Amino acid sequence: MKILLVYASKYGATKKAAEKLAEYLGDSVKLVNLKEGNLKGIRLKDYDTIAIGGSIYTGRIQKEVTKFCSDYKSEIISKKLGLFICCGNEQEFDNQLRNSFEQELINHAITKGYFGYEYNLKKMNFLFKMIIKKIANITKSESAIADNNIKDFAAKLVVEDN
């Protein structure tokens, strides 16, 4: 089974989570950061399974994820699919997922995952840092990548009889 794992990461949390997912999925995975625009040479028809994810900022997933899903929707729907997000509030996962992906993709996905969050204040600009400190009620960087959720997601994604 060949797996394409595409994601976008603003400050690195989703990149960490995607790399952890790639470790669990093994050698058959191709990891693509949409923020780096490195889809050249990638043919979706060469993959059996696609995992798509991003992080949530101001209630939205990155535009690169939305564009990828829109541009390749018909091909994505023909594959085994997993969707994941990183966001600061697990209780908002279902709402954030619905706001991030079209319902058709959500319905088609065999697994959907909450991969946790990370607030790396050193990487944020001043304004965003102040907003995050206020909204998340934090005073220093913190990380809560949900490793068990990532492991469970990987296991569900590679089950052959889905």
C-alpha atoms as a PDB file:
ATOM      1  CA  MET A   1       0.000   0.000   0.000  1.00  0.00           C
ATOM      2  CA  LYS A   2       1.332   3.433  -0.982  1.00  0.00           C
ATOM      3  CA  ILE A   3       0.265   6.338   1.212  1.00  0.00           C
ATOM      4  CA  LEU A   4       0.385  10.053   0.414  1.00  0.00           C
ATOM      5  CA  LEU A   5       0.429  12.206   3.548  1.00  0.00           C
ATOM      6  CA  VAL A   6      -0.186  15.880   2.768  1.00  0.00           C
ATOM      7  CA  TYR A   7      -0.321  18.637   5.351  1.00  0.00           C
ATOM      8  CA  ALA A   8       0.259  22.323   5.995  1.00  0.00           C
ATOM      9  CA  SER A   9       1.919  23.655   9.119  1.00  0.00           C
ATOM     10  CA  LYS A  10       2.245  27.285  10.179  1.00  0.00           C
ATOM     11  CA  TYR A  11       4.445  27.071  13.282  1.00  0.00           C
ATOM     12  CA  GLY A  12       5.498  23.419  13.261  1.00  0.00           C
ATOM     13  CA  ALA A  13       2.931  21.479  15.325  1.00  0.00           C
ATOM     14  CA  THR A  14       1.295  19.831  12.330  1.00  0.00           C
ATOM     15  CA  LYS A  15       4.701  19.096  10.833  1.00  0.00           C
ATOM     16  CA  LYS A  16       5.698  17.274  14.039  1.00  0.00           C
ATOM     17  CA  ALA A  17       2.415  15.365  14.075  1.00  0.00           C
ATOM     18  CA  ALA A  18       2.669  14.469  10.369  1.00  0.00           C
ATOM     19  CA  GLU A  19       6.245  13.249  10.806  1.00  0.00           C
ATOM     20  CA  LYS A  20       5.137  11.115  13.771  1.00  0.00           C
ATOM     21  CA  LEU A  21       2.288   9.717  11.652  1.00  0.00           C
ATOM     22  CA  ALA A  22       4.757   8.945   8.850  1.00  0.00           C
ATOM     23  CA  GLU A  23       6.908   7.009  11.355  1.00  0.00           C
ATOM     24  CA  TYR A  24       3.915   4.874  12.335  1.00  0.00           C
ATOM     25  CA  LEU A  25       2.921   4.313   8.701  1.00  0.00           C
ATOM     26  CA  GLY A  26       6.381   3.116   7.672  1.00  0.00           C
ATOM     27  CA  ASP A  27       8.302   3.135   4.417  1.00  0.00           C
ATOM     28  CA  SER A  28       5.283   3.211   2.104  1.00  0.00           C
ATOM     29  CA  VAL A  29       4.461   6.856   2.926  1.00  0.00           C
ATOM     30  CA  LYS A  30       5.326  10.005   0.957  1.00  0.00           C
ATOM     31  CA  LEU A  31       5.243  13.108   3.181  1.00  0.00           C
ATOM     32  CA  VAL A  32       4.343  16.403   1.460  1.00  0.00           C
ATOM     33  CA  ASN A  33       4.251  19.817   3.137  1.00  0.00           C
ATOM     34  CA  LEU A  34       1.805  21.914   1.098  1.00  0.00           C
ATOM     35  CA  LYS A  35       3.326  25.111   2.540  1.00  0.00           C
ATOM     36  CA  GLU A  36       6.505  24.257   0.647  1.00  0.00           C
ATOM     37  CA  GLY A  37       4.560  23.725  -2.567  1.00  0.00           C
ATOM     38  CA  ASN A  38       6.318  20.458  -3.274  1.00  0.00           C
ATOM     39  CA  LEU A  39       3.555  18.605  -5.112  1.00  0.00           C
ATOM     40  CA  LYS A  40       5.581  18.568  -8.324  1.00  0.00           C
ATOM     41  CA  GLY A  41       6.005  15.060  -9.611  1.00  0.00           C
ATOM     42  CA  ILE A  42       3.311  13.716  -7.278  1.00  0.00           C
ATOM     43  CA  ARG A  43       0.590  11.766  -9.066  1.00  0.00           C
ATOM     44  CA  LEU A  44      -2.323  10.911  -6.826  1.00  0.00           C
ATOM     45  CA  LYS A  45      -3.170   7.926  -9.006  1.00  0.00           C
ATOM     46  CA  ASP A  46       0.052   6.287  -7.765  1.00  0.00           C
ATOM     47  CA  TYR A  47      -1.294   6.120  -4.187  1.00  0.00           C
ATOM     48  CA  ASP A  48      -3.860   3.824  -2.570  1.00  0.00           C
ATOM     49  CA  THR A  49      -4.396   5.965   0.508  1.00  0.00           C
ATOM     50  CA  ILE A  50      -4.289   9.683   1.253  1.00  0.00           C
ATOM     51  CA  ALA A  51      -4.041  11.372   4.654  1.00  0.00           C
ATOM     52  CA  ILE A  52      -4.696  15.121   4.743  1.00  0.00           C
ATOM     53  CA  GLY A  53      -4.212  17.469   7.659  1.00  0.00           C
ATOM     54  CA  GLY A  54      -3.509  20.938   8.908  1.00  0.00           C
ATOM     55  CA  SER A  55      -3.747  23.205  11.894  1.00  0.00           C
ATOM     56  CA  ILE A  56      -6.518  25.557  12.913  1.00  0.00           C
ATOM     57  CA  TYR A  57      -5.917  29.294  13.262  1.00  0.00           C
ATOM     58  CA  THR A  58      -8.785  31.731  13.792  1.00  0.00           C
ATOM     59  CA  GLY A  59     -11.214  28.903  13.119  1.00  0.00           C
ATOM     60  CA  ARG A  60      -9.779  27.952   9.725  1.00  0.00           C
ATOM     61  CA  ILE A  61      -7.425  25.384   8.308  1.00  0.00           C
ATOM     62  CA  GLN A  62      -4.603  26.606   6.050  1.00  0.00           C
ATOM     63  CA  LYS A  63      -5.652  27.717   2.581  1.00  0.00           C
ATOM     64  CA  GLU A  64      -3.174  25.266   1.034  1.00  0.00           C
ATOM     65  CA  VAL A  65      -5.124  22.349   2.514  1.00  0.00           C
ATOM     66  CA  THR A  66      -8.435  23.759   1.299  1.00  0.00           C
ATOM     67  CA  LYS A  67      -7.002  24.308  -2.197  1.00  0.00           C
ATOM     68  CA  PHE A  68      -5.511  20.809  -2.348  1.00  0.00           C
ATOM     69  CA  CYS A  69      -8.844  19.265  -1.359  1.00  0.00           C
ATOM     70  CA  SER A  70     -10.715  21.387  -3.881  1.00  0.00           C
ATOM     71  CA  ASP A  71      -8.275  20.836  -6.748  1.00  0.00           C
ATOM     72  CA  TYR A  72      -8.026  17.062  -6.277  1.00  0.00           C
ATOM     73  CA  LYS A  73     -11.404  16.199  -4.769  1.00  0.00           C
ATOM     74  CA  SER A  74     -12.429  13.655  -7.414  1.00  0.00           C
ATOM     75  CA  GLU A  75      -9.128  11.802  -7.065  1.00  0.00           C
ATOM     76  CA  ILE A  76      -9.195  12.008  -3.255  1.00  0.00           C
ATOM     77  CA  ILE A  77     -12.699  10.515  -3.144  1.00  0.00           C
ATOM     78  CA  SER A  78     -11.469   7.510  -5.136  1.00  0.00           C
ATOM     79  CA  LYS A  79      -8.880   6.655  -2.451  1.00  0.00           C
ATOM     80  CA  LYS A  80      -8.870   5.405   1.091  1.00  0.00           C
ATOM     81  CA  LEU A  81      -8.841   8.658   3.095  1.00  0.00           C
ATOM     82  CA  GLY A  82      -7.890   9.911   6.533  1.00  0.00           C
ATOM     83  CA  LEU A  83      -8.341  13.492   7.769  1.00  0.00           C
ATOM     84  CA  PHE A  84      -6.633  15.090  10.755  1.00  0.00           C
ATOM     85  CA  ILE A  85      -6.283  18.455  12.422  1.00  0.00           C
ATOM     86  CA  CYS A  86      -4.174  20.050  15.110  1.00  0.00           C
ATOM     87  CA  CYS A  87      -6.019  22.553  17.274  1.00  0.00           C
ATOM     88  CA  GLY A  88      -5.888  23.816  20.823  1.00  0.00           C
ATOM     89  CA  ASN A  89      -9.270  22.565  21.990  1.00  0.00           C
ATOM     90  CA  GLU A  90     -10.133  18.886  21.559  1.00  0.00           C
ATOM     91  CA  GLN A  91     -13.762  19.579  22.497  1.00  0.00           C
ATOM     92  CA  GLU A  92     -14.016  21.670  19.320  1.00  0.00           C
ATOM     93  CA  PHE A  93     -12.615  18.884  17.107  1.00  0.00           C
ATOM     94  CA  ASP A  94     -15.896  17.960  15.383  1.00  0.00           C
ATOM     95  CA  ASN A  95     -16.773  21.600  14.675  1.00  0.00           C
ATOM     96  CA  GLN A  96     -13.259  22.375  13.456  1.00  0.00           C
ATOM     97  CA  LEU A  97     -13.280  19.315  11.198  1.00  0.00           C
ATOM     98  CA  ARG A  98     -16.606  20.382   9.647  1.00  0.00           C
ATOM     99  CA  ASN A  99     -15.265  23.911   9.142  1.00  0.00           C
ATOM    100  CA  SER A 100     -12.078  22.592   7.540  1.00  0.00           C
ATOM    101  CA  PHE A 101     -13.218  19.899   5.114  1.00  0.00           C
ATOM    102  CA  GLU A 102     -16.193  19.432   2.802  1.00  0.00           C
ATOM    103  CA  GLN A 103     -18.828  17.076   4.189  1.00  0.00           C
ATOM    104  CA  GLU A 104     -18.296  14.685   1.273  1.00  0.00           C
ATOM    105  CA  LEU A 105     -14.650  14.232   2.279  1.00  0.00           C
ATOM    106  CA  ILE A 106     -15.566  13.814   5.952  1.00  0.00           C
ATOM    107  CA  ASN A 107     -18.151  11.163   5.060  1.00  0.00           C
ATOM    108  CA  HIS A 108     -15.654   9.352   2.815  1.00  0.00           C
ATOM    109  CA  ALA A 109     -12.823   9.323   5.377  1.00  0.00           C
ATOM    110  CA  ILE A 110     -12.254   5.991   7.101  1.00  0.00           C
ATOM    111  CA  THR A 111     -10.586   7.759  10.007  1.00  0.00           C
ATOM    112  CA  LYS A 112     -10.535  11.287  11.387  1.00  0.00           C
ATOM    113  CA  GLY A 113      -8.084  12.412  14.023  1.00  0.00           C
ATOM    114  CA  TYR A 114      -7.358  15.084  16.573  1.00  0.00           C
ATOM    115  CA  PHE A 115      -3.555  15.293  16.771  1.00  0.00           C
ATOM    116  CA  GLY A 116      -3.213  17.798  19.604  1.00  0.00           C
ATOM    117  CA  TYR A 117      -1.543  21.191  19.548  1.00  0.00           C
ATOM    118  CA  GLU A 118       1.609  23.119  20.201  1.00  0.00           C
ATOM    119  CA  TYR A 119       2.052  26.786  20.978  1.00  0.00           C
ATOM    120  CA  ASN A 120       5.617  27.741  20.077  1.00  0.00           C
ATOM    121  CA  LEU A 121       5.705  31.388  21.093  1.00  0.00           C
ATOM    122  CA  LYS A 122       9.258  31.834  19.793  1.00  0.00           C
ATOM    123  CA  LYS A 123       8.079  31.213  16.225  1.00  0.00           C
ATOM    124  CA  MET A 124       5.071  33.564  16.382  1.00  0.00           C
ATOM    125  CA  ASN A 125       5.011  37.225  15.463  1.00  0.00           C
ATOM    126  CA  PHE A 126       4.240  39.699  18.227  1.00  0.00           C
ATOM    127  CA  LEU A 127       0.541  40.167  17.418  1.00  0.00           C
ATOM    128  CA  PHE A 128      -0.219  36.472  17.051  1.00  0.00           C
ATOM    129  CA  LYS A 129       1.738  35.709  20.220  1.00  0.00           C
ATOM    130  CA  MET A 130      -0.399  38.192  22.181  1.00  0.00           C
ATOM    131  CA  ILE A 131      -3.614  36.750  20.737  1.00  0.00           C
ATOM    132  CA  ILE A 132      -2.611  33.160  21.552  1.00  0.00           C
ATOM    133  CA  LYS A 133      -1.535  34.076  25.077  1.00  0.00           C
ATOM    134  CA  LYS A 134      -4.935  35.667  25.677  1.00  0.00           C
ATOM    135  CA  ILE A 135      -7.125  33.048  23.967  1.00  0.00           C
ATOM    136  CA  ALA A 136      -5.244  29.972  25.202  1.00  0.00           C
ATOM    137  CA  ASN A 137      -4.491  31.519  28.595  1.00  0.00           C
ATOM    138  CA  ILE A 138      -0.798  30.613  28.436  1.00  0.00           C
ATOM    139  CA  THR A 139       2.364  32.464  29.427  1.00  0.00           C
ATOM    140  CA  LYS A 140       4.976  30.221  27.802  1.00  0.00           C
ATOM    141  CA  SER A 141       5.283  27.778  24.920  1.00  0.00           C
ATOM    142  CA  GLU A 142       3.574  24.452  25.425  1.00  0.00           C
ATOM    143  CA  SER A 143       3.201  21.240  23.462  1.00  0.00           C
ATOM    144  CA  ALA A 144       0.505  18.583  23.635  1.00  0.00           C
ATOM    145  CA  ILE A 145       0.903  16.494  20.491  1.00  0.00           C
ATOM    146  CA  ALA A 146      -1.509  13.558  20.925  1.00  0.00           C
ATOM    147  CA  ASP A 147       0.787  10.616  20.190  1.00  0.00           C
ATOM    148  CA  ASN A 148      -1.794   7.940  21.070  1.00  0.00           C
ATOM    149  CA  ASN A 149      -4.332   9.542  18.734  1.00  0.00           C
ATOM    150  CA  ILE A 150      -1.743   9.573  15.951  1.00  0.00           C
ATOM    151  CA  LYS A 151      -0.917   5.913  16.562  1.00  0.00           C
ATOM    152  CA  ASP A 152      -4.629   4.956  16.499  1.00  0.00           C
ATOM    153  CA  PHE A 153      -5.161   6.973  13.303  1.00  0.00           C
ATOM    154  CA  ALA A 154      -2.247   5.178  11.613  1.00  0.00           C
ATOM    155  CA  ALA A 155      -3.581   1.769  12.624  1.00  0.00           C
ATOM    156  CA  LYS A 156      -7.033   2.543  11.207  1.00  0.00           C
ATOM    157  CA  LEU A 157      -5.575   3.959   8.003  1.00  0.00           C
ATOM    158  CA  VAL A 158      -3.620   0.824   7.141  1.00  0.00           C
ATOM    159  CA  VAL A 159      -6.311  -1.758   7.890  1.00  0.00           C
ATOM    160  CA  GLU A 160      -6.736  -3.546   4.566  1.00  0.00           C
ATOM    161  CA  ASP A 161     -10.471  -4.276   4.693  1.00  0.00           C
ATOM    162  CA  ASN A 162     -11.796  -0.714   5.102  1.00  0.00           C
END
